[in-house]
Amino acid sequence: MELLAPYRTKINEARRALQKEADFIGVPLEELWQKVVAEWDEAGNMKASWLPRNFRDGRSLFTLKFPPGWWVDMTATDTLAAINRHFDAGLPTSKDSRAEPLTLAQVTGDDRTLTTAIATWLREDVVLDDGTVPLGVRFLSKHGRPPGGTGMCWGYWMRATDLGEAEPVAVTDTEPILETDTALKKAQEHCKIKTR
């Protein structure tokens, strides 16, 4: 969902861009969209709502083994409280600095000014109770939790790379993303996108 959702947004934006034309000619937007898609198909153009095969071919699923350590759970009440205490003068956002309490919606939202400020503070300044620094952060995807899956996103901080050293992370398995992949099919269904 994290990879496919932006494509869904772009397709929906393209569809919505036709609203004025649909209103002008007096047809429902979906009907006009289907006509456009049919014309694209007849002309041999790339189909609307389809991702090219290289979307899958250019990606793989990796299983990673990380060194021992802790991850900051961004959805934990204690984490939100600690972030609120740190930014007690106001949360830095793309629009302004707000003195309202931080919510889970903001942590998983699209305001990169805010999420980058939080991640920078957690990475650079936070030391855990056992004296170690966090490996990174984990949080529930804003797209939800799929049946049979965790819906968790992980952000690993490559501290060794910053020091010019090799990361202590091992790739234990790599597999292609197949067209028949159950998780891919479910995400496509939710996003109303098809792949080849």
C-alpha atoms as a PDB file:
ATOM      1  CA  MET A   1       0.000   0.000   0.000  1.00  0.00           C
ATOM      2  CA  GLU A   2       2.856   2.391   0.753  1.00  0.00           C
ATOM      3  CA  LEU A   3       4.118   1.954  -2.815  1.00  0.00           C
ATOM      4  CA  LEU A   4       0.805   1.776  -4.665  1.00  0.00           C
ATOM      5  CA  ALA A   5      -1.168   4.487  -2.839  1.00  0.00           C
ATOM      6  CA  PRO A   6       0.657   7.416  -4.500  1.00  0.00           C
ATOM      7  CA  TYR A   7      -0.272   6.001  -7.928  1.00  0.00           C
ATOM      8  CA  ARG A   8      -3.907   5.787  -6.822  1.00  0.00           C
ATOM      9  CA  THR A   9      -3.735   9.478  -5.873  1.00  0.00           C
ATOM     10  CA  LYS A  10      -2.301  10.431  -9.282  1.00  0.00           C
ATOM     11  CA  ILE A  11      -4.988   8.472 -11.116  1.00  0.00           C
ATOM     12  CA  ASN A  12      -7.719  10.035  -8.993  1.00  0.00           C
ATOM     13  CA  GLU A  13      -6.274  13.491  -9.680  1.00  0.00           C
ATOM     14  CA  ALA A  14      -6.336  12.776 -13.422  1.00  0.00           C
ATOM     15  CA  ARG A  15      -9.927  11.601 -13.156  1.00  0.00           C
ATOM     16  CA  ARG A  16     -10.969  14.663 -11.125  1.00  0.00           C
ATOM     17  CA  ALA A  17      -9.284  16.972 -13.657  1.00  0.00           C
ATOM     18  CA  LEU A  18     -12.004  15.893 -16.116  1.00  0.00           C
ATOM     19  CA  GLN A  19     -14.837  17.077 -13.846  1.00  0.00           C
ATOM     20  CA  LYS A  20     -15.247  20.451 -15.619  1.00  0.00           C
ATOM     21  CA  GLU A  21     -15.499  18.739 -19.011  1.00  0.00           C
ATOM     22  CA  ALA A  22     -17.989  16.193 -17.644  1.00  0.00           C
ATOM     23  CA  ASP A  23     -20.123  19.011 -16.237  1.00  0.00           C
ATOM     24  CA  PHE A  24     -19.891  20.971 -19.498  1.00  0.00           C
ATOM     25  CA  ILE A  25     -21.099  18.082 -21.671  1.00  0.00           C
ATOM     26  CA  GLY A  26     -23.591  16.916 -19.054  1.00  0.00           C
ATOM     27  CA  VAL A  27     -22.350  13.397 -18.302  1.00  0.00           C
ATOM     28  CA  PRO A  28     -21.300  11.801 -15.005  1.00  0.00           C
ATOM     29  CA  LEU A  29     -17.550  11.956 -14.347  1.00  0.00           C
ATOM     30  CA  GLU A  30     -17.186   8.151 -14.229  1.00  0.00           C
ATOM     31  CA  GLU A  31     -18.860   7.811 -17.633  1.00  0.00           C
ATOM     32  CA  LEU A  32     -16.463  10.351 -19.183  1.00  0.00           C
ATOM     33  CA  TRP A  33     -13.501   8.624 -17.504  1.00  0.00           C
ATOM     34  CA  GLN A  34     -14.508   5.264 -18.975  1.00  0.00           C
ATOM     35  CA  LYS A  35     -14.726   6.852 -22.451  1.00  0.00           C
ATOM     36  CA  VAL A  36     -11.240   8.306 -22.067  1.00  0.00           C
ATOM     37  CA  VAL A  37      -9.883   4.941 -20.898  1.00  0.00           C
ATOM     38  CA  ALA A  38     -11.551   3.192 -23.867  1.00  0.00           C
ATOM     39  CA  GLU A  39     -10.019   5.697 -26.309  1.00  0.00           C
ATOM     40  CA  TRP A  40      -6.579   5.187 -24.773  1.00  0.00           C
ATOM     41  CA  ASP A  41      -6.991   1.431 -25.176  1.00  0.00           C
ATOM     42  CA  GLU A  42      -8.087   1.781 -28.821  1.00  0.00           C
ATOM     43  CA  ALA A  43      -5.117   4.037 -29.561  1.00  0.00           C
ATOM     44  CA  GLY A  44      -2.717   1.504 -28.008  1.00  0.00           C
ATOM     45  CA  ASN A  45      -1.649   3.897 -25.247  1.00  0.00           C
ATOM     46  CA  MET A  46      -0.782   2.756 -21.751  1.00  0.00           C
ATOM     47  CA  LYS A  47      -4.000   1.923 -19.956  1.00  0.00           C
ATOM     48  CA  ALA A  48      -5.252   4.266 -17.263  1.00  0.00           C
ATOM     49  CA  SER A  49      -5.194   2.714 -13.779  1.00  0.00           C
ATOM     50  CA  TRP A  50      -2.464   0.266 -14.871  1.00  0.00           C
ATOM     51  CA  LEU A  51       1.134   0.203 -13.716  1.00  0.00           C
ATOM     52  CA  PRO A  52       3.766  -1.003 -16.166  1.00  0.00           C
ATOM     53  CA  ARG A  53       5.422  -4.367 -15.620  1.00  0.00           C
ATOM     54  CA  ASN A  54       8.666  -2.671 -14.627  1.00  0.00           C
ATOM     55  CA  PHE A  55       6.887  -1.496 -11.451  1.00  0.00           C
ATOM     56  CA  ARG A  56       7.198  -5.098 -10.229  1.00  0.00           C
ATOM     57  CA  ASP A  57      10.332  -6.044 -12.133  1.00  0.00           C
ATOM     58  CA  GLY A  58      12.252  -3.089 -10.723  1.00  0.00           C
ATOM     59  CA  ARG A  59      11.533  -4.107  -7.138  1.00  0.00           C
ATOM     60  CA  SER A  60      12.124  -7.124  -4.916  1.00  0.00           C
ATOM     61  CA  LEU A  61      11.113  -8.220  -1.435  1.00  0.00           C
ATOM     62  CA  PHE A  62      14.068  -8.312   0.940  1.00  0.00           C
ATOM     63  CA  THR A  63      14.249 -10.019   4.312  1.00  0.00           C
ATOM     64  CA  LEU A  64      16.719  -8.201   6.551  1.00  0.00           C
ATOM     65  CA  LYS A  65      18.410  -9.106   9.818  1.00  0.00           C
ATOM     66  CA  PHE A  66      19.170  -6.094  11.986  1.00  0.00           C
ATOM     67  CA  PRO A  67      21.595  -5.906  14.894  1.00  0.00           C
ATOM     68  CA  PRO A  68      20.155  -6.233  18.404  1.00  0.00           C
ATOM     69  CA  GLY A  69      18.488  -3.052  19.558  1.00  0.00           C
ATOM     70  CA  TRP A  70      15.299  -1.122  20.052  1.00  0.00           C
ATOM     71  CA  TRP A  71      12.919   0.674  17.711  1.00  0.00           C
ATOM     72  CA  VAL A  72      10.919   3.752  18.673  1.00  0.00           C
ATOM     73  CA  ASP A  73       7.226   2.917  18.364  1.00  0.00           C
ATOM     74  CA  MET A  74       5.733   6.103  16.929  1.00  0.00           C
ATOM     75  CA  THR A  75       2.213   4.944  17.781  1.00  0.00           C
ATOM     76  CA  ALA A  76       2.914   4.489  21.500  1.00  0.00           C
ATOM     77  CA  THR A  77       1.283   6.949  23.876  1.00  0.00           C
ATOM     78  CA  ASP A  78       4.606   7.368  25.736  1.00  0.00           C
ATOM     79  CA  THR A  79       6.360   8.273  22.471  1.00  0.00           C
ATOM     80  CA  LEU A  80       3.735  10.877  21.575  1.00  0.00           C
ATOM     81  CA  ALA A  81       3.987  12.307  25.105  1.00  0.00           C
ATOM     82  CA  ALA A  82       7.796  12.533  24.897  1.00  0.00           C
ATOM     83  CA  ILE A  83       7.608  14.281  21.518  1.00  0.00           C
ATOM     84  CA  ASN A  84       5.012  16.694  22.908  1.00  0.00           C
ATOM     85  CA  ARG A  85       7.312  17.497  25.858  1.00  0.00           C
ATOM     86  CA  HIS A  86      10.265  18.093  23.551  1.00  0.00           C
ATOM     87  CA  PHE A  87       8.302  20.376  21.223  1.00  0.00           C
ATOM     88  CA  ASP A  88       6.400  22.110  24.033  1.00  0.00           C
ATOM     89  CA  ALA A  89       6.911  25.508  22.381  1.00  0.00           C
ATOM     90  CA  GLY A  90       5.057  24.268  19.319  1.00  0.00           C
ATOM     91  CA  LEU A  91       5.224  21.585  16.664  1.00  0.00           C
ATOM     92  CA  PRO A  92       7.195  22.636  13.589  1.00  0.00           C
ATOM     93  CA  THR A  93       4.908  22.188  10.583  1.00  0.00           C
ATOM     94  CA  SER A  94       5.044  23.201   6.948  1.00  0.00           C
ATOM     95  CA  LYS A  95       2.535  25.980   7.637  1.00  0.00           C
ATOM     96  CA  ASP A  96       3.528  27.318  11.055  1.00  0.00           C
ATOM     97  CA  SER A  97       4.469  26.267  14.558  1.00  0.00           C
ATOM     98  CA  ARG A  98       1.466  24.968  16.465  1.00  0.00           C
ATOM     99  CA  ALA A  99       1.143  24.570  20.206  1.00  0.00           C
ATOM    100  CA  GLU A 100      -1.430  21.785  19.985  1.00  0.00           C
ATOM    101  CA  PRO A 101      -0.770  18.250  21.223  1.00  0.00           C
ATOM    102  CA  LEU A 102       0.710  15.855  18.680  1.00  0.00           C
ATOM    103  CA  THR A 103      -1.604  13.142  17.382  1.00  0.00           C
ATOM    104  CA  LEU A 104      -1.100   9.857  15.599  1.00  0.00           C
ATOM    105  CA  ALA A 105      -2.636  11.425  12.479  1.00  0.00           C
ATOM    106  CA  GLN A 106       0.186  13.976  12.369  1.00  0.00           C
ATOM    107  CA  VAL A 107       2.918  11.386  12.970  1.00  0.00           C
ATOM    108  CA  THR A 108       1.723   9.291  10.027  1.00  0.00           C
ATOM    109  CA  GLY A 109       0.702  12.299   7.931  1.00  0.00           C
ATOM    110  CA  ASP A 110       2.264  13.966   4.905  1.00  0.00           C
ATOM    111  CA  ASP A 111       3.751  17.031   6.603  1.00  0.00           C
ATOM    112  CA  ARG A 112       7.443  16.287   6.003  1.00  0.00           C
ATOM    113  CA  THR A 113       8.541  19.373   7.948  1.00  0.00           C
ATOM    114  CA  LEU A 114       6.965  17.881  11.074  1.00  0.00           C
ATOM    115  CA  THR A 115       7.930  14.233  10.548  1.00  0.00           C
ATOM    116  CA  THR A 116      11.517  15.165   9.637  1.00  0.00           C
ATOM    117  CA  ALA A 117      11.860  17.361  12.751  1.00  0.00           C
ATOM    118  CA  ILE A 118      10.572  14.522  14.934  1.00  0.00           C
ATOM    119  CA  ALA A 119      12.809  11.904  13.280  1.00  0.00           C
ATOM    120  CA  THR A 120      15.857  14.188  13.500  1.00  0.00           C
ATOM    121  CA  TRP A 121      15.325  14.754  17.213  1.00  0.00           C
ATOM    122  CA  LEU A 122      14.760  11.044  17.888  1.00  0.00           C
ATOM    123  CA  ARG A 123      17.837  10.061  15.878  1.00  0.00           C
ATOM    124  CA  GLU A 124      20.261  12.723  17.044  1.00  0.00           C
ATOM    125  CA  ASP A 125      19.330  13.381  20.661  1.00  0.00           C
ATOM    126  CA  VAL A 126      17.429  10.454  22.175  1.00  0.00           C
ATOM    127  CA  VAL A 127      19.234   7.904  24.331  1.00  0.00           C
ATOM    128  CA  LEU A 128      17.144   5.002  25.614  1.00  0.00           C
ATOM    129  CA  ASP A 129      16.870   3.854  29.235  1.00  0.00           C
ATOM    130  CA  ASP A 130      19.496   1.136  28.668  1.00  0.00           C
ATOM    131  CA  GLY A 131      22.017   3.686  27.348  1.00  0.00           C
ATOM    132  CA  THR A 132      21.683   2.687  23.684  1.00  0.00           C
ATOM    133  CA  VAL A 133      20.397   4.704  20.773  1.00  0.00           C
ATOM    134  CA  PRO A 134      17.362   3.533  18.770  1.00  0.00           C
ATOM    135  CA  LEU A 135      17.841   1.533  15.575  1.00  0.00           C
ATOM    136  CA  GLY A 136      15.059   3.592  14.016  1.00  0.00           C
ATOM    137  CA  VAL A 137      11.308   4.040  14.137  1.00  0.00           C
ATOM    138  CA  ARG A 138       8.284   1.889  13.462  1.00  0.00           C
ATOM    139  CA  PHE A 139       4.717   2.987  12.909  1.00  0.00           C
ATOM    140  CA  LEU A 140       1.401   1.770  11.594  1.00  0.00           C
ATOM    141  CA  SER A 141       0.883   2.613   7.945  1.00  0.00           C
ATOM    142  CA  LYS A 142      -1.587   5.418   7.349  1.00  0.00           C
ATOM    143  CA  HIS A 143      -3.176   3.040   4.841  1.00  0.00           C
ATOM    144  CA  GLY A 144      -4.178   0.629   7.599  1.00  0.00           C
ATOM    145  CA  ARG A 145      -3.430  -2.943   8.593  1.00  0.00           C
ATOM    146  CA  PRO A 146      -4.172  -5.615   5.976  1.00  0.00           C
ATOM    147  CA  PRO A 147      -5.678  -8.981   6.951  1.00  0.00           C
ATOM    148  CA  GLY A 148      -2.838 -11.375   7.690  1.00  0.00           C
ATOM    149  CA  GLY A 149      -0.276  -8.556   7.704  1.00  0.00           C
ATOM    150  CA  THR A 150       1.127  -6.143  10.254  1.00  0.00           C
ATOM    151  CA  GLY A 151       0.693  -2.885   8.371  1.00  0.00           C
ATOM    152  CA  MET A 152       3.888  -1.723  10.071  1.00  0.00           C
ATOM    153  CA  CYS A 153       6.423   0.559   8.424  1.00  0.00           C
ATOM    154  CA  TRP A 154      10.021   0.624   9.605  1.00  0.00           C
ATOM    155  CA  GLY A 155      12.572   3.403   9.256  1.00  0.00           C
ATOM    156  CA  TYR A 156      16.147   2.250   9.939  1.00  0.00           C
ATOM    157  CA  TRP A 157      18.759   4.896  10.688  1.00  0.00           C
ATOM    158  CA  MET A 158      21.975   4.096   8.827  1.00  0.00           C
ATOM    159  CA  ARG A 159      24.324   5.392  11.502  1.00  0.00           C
ATOM    160  CA  ALA A 160      27.287   3.253  10.353  1.00  0.00           C
ATOM    161  CA  THR A 161      27.023   4.614   6.807  1.00  0.00           C
ATOM    162  CA  ASP A 162      27.204   8.149   8.205  1.00  0.00           C
ATOM    163  CA  LEU A 163      30.516   7.169   9.834  1.00  0.00           C
ATOM    164  CA  GLY A 164      31.837   5.627   6.600  1.00  0.00           C
ATOM    165  CA  GLU A 165      31.459   2.097   7.951  1.00  0.00           C
ATOM    166  CA  ALA A 166      29.556  -0.971   6.746  1.00  0.00           C
ATOM    167  CA  GLU A 167      26.034  -1.321   8.071  1.00  0.00           C
ATOM    168  CA  PRO A 168      25.526  -4.269  10.460  1.00  0.00           C
ATOM    169  CA  VAL A 169      22.455  -5.358   8.504  1.00  0.00           C
ATOM    170  CA  ALA A 170      22.313  -8.622   6.565  1.00  0.00           C
ATOM    171  CA  VAL A 171      20.047  -9.473   3.646  1.00  0.00           C
ATOM    172  CA  THR A 172      18.871 -13.001   4.433  1.00  0.00           C
ATOM    173  CA  ASP A 173      16.487 -13.489   1.519  1.00  0.00           C
ATOM    174  CA  THR A 174      15.432 -11.811  -1.726  1.00  0.00           C
ATOM    175  CA  GLU A 175      12.417 -12.703  -3.817  1.00  0.00           C
ATOM    176  CA  PRO A 176      10.732 -11.119  -6.829  1.00  0.00           C
ATOM    177  CA  ILE A 177       7.317  -9.489  -6.647  1.00  0.00           C
ATOM    178  CA  LEU A 178       5.192 -11.796  -8.760  1.00  0.00           C
ATOM    179  CA  GLU A 179       1.989 -10.795 -10.508  1.00  0.00           C
ATOM    180  CA  THR A 180       0.298 -13.561  -8.502  1.00  0.00           C
ATOM    181  CA  ASP A 181       1.510 -12.217  -5.130  1.00  0.00           C
ATOM    182  CA  THR A 182      -1.460 -12.214  -2.743  1.00  0.00           C
ATOM    183  CA  ALA A 183      -0.437  -9.031  -0.922  1.00  0.00           C
ATOM    184  CA  LEU A 184       0.117  -7.201  -4.234  1.00  0.00           C
ATOM    185  CA  LYS A 185      -3.287  -8.298  -5.515  1.00  0.00           C
ATOM    186  CA  LYS A 186      -4.997  -7.113  -2.322  1.00  0.00           C
ATOM    187  CA  ALA A 187      -3.236  -3.732  -2.435  1.00  0.00           C
ATOM    188  CA  GLN A 188      -4.172  -3.371  -6.117  1.00  0.00           C
ATOM    189  CA  GLU A 189      -7.787  -4.106  -5.244  1.00  0.00           C
ATOM    190  CA  HIS A 190      -7.812  -1.418  -2.538  1.00  0.00           C
ATOM    191  CA  CYS A 191      -6.115   1.121  -4.822  1.00  0.00           C
ATOM    192  CA  LYS A 192      -8.144   0.165  -7.915  1.00  0.00           C
ATOM    193  CA  ILE A 193      -4.876  -0.263  -9.832  1.00  0.00           C
ATOM    194  CA  LYS A 194      -3.731  -3.143 -12.014  1.00  0.00           C
ATOM    195  CA  THR A 195      -0.210  -4.233 -12.907  1.00  0.00           C
ATOM    196  CA  ARG A 196       1.124  -6.385 -15.710  1.00  0.00           C
END
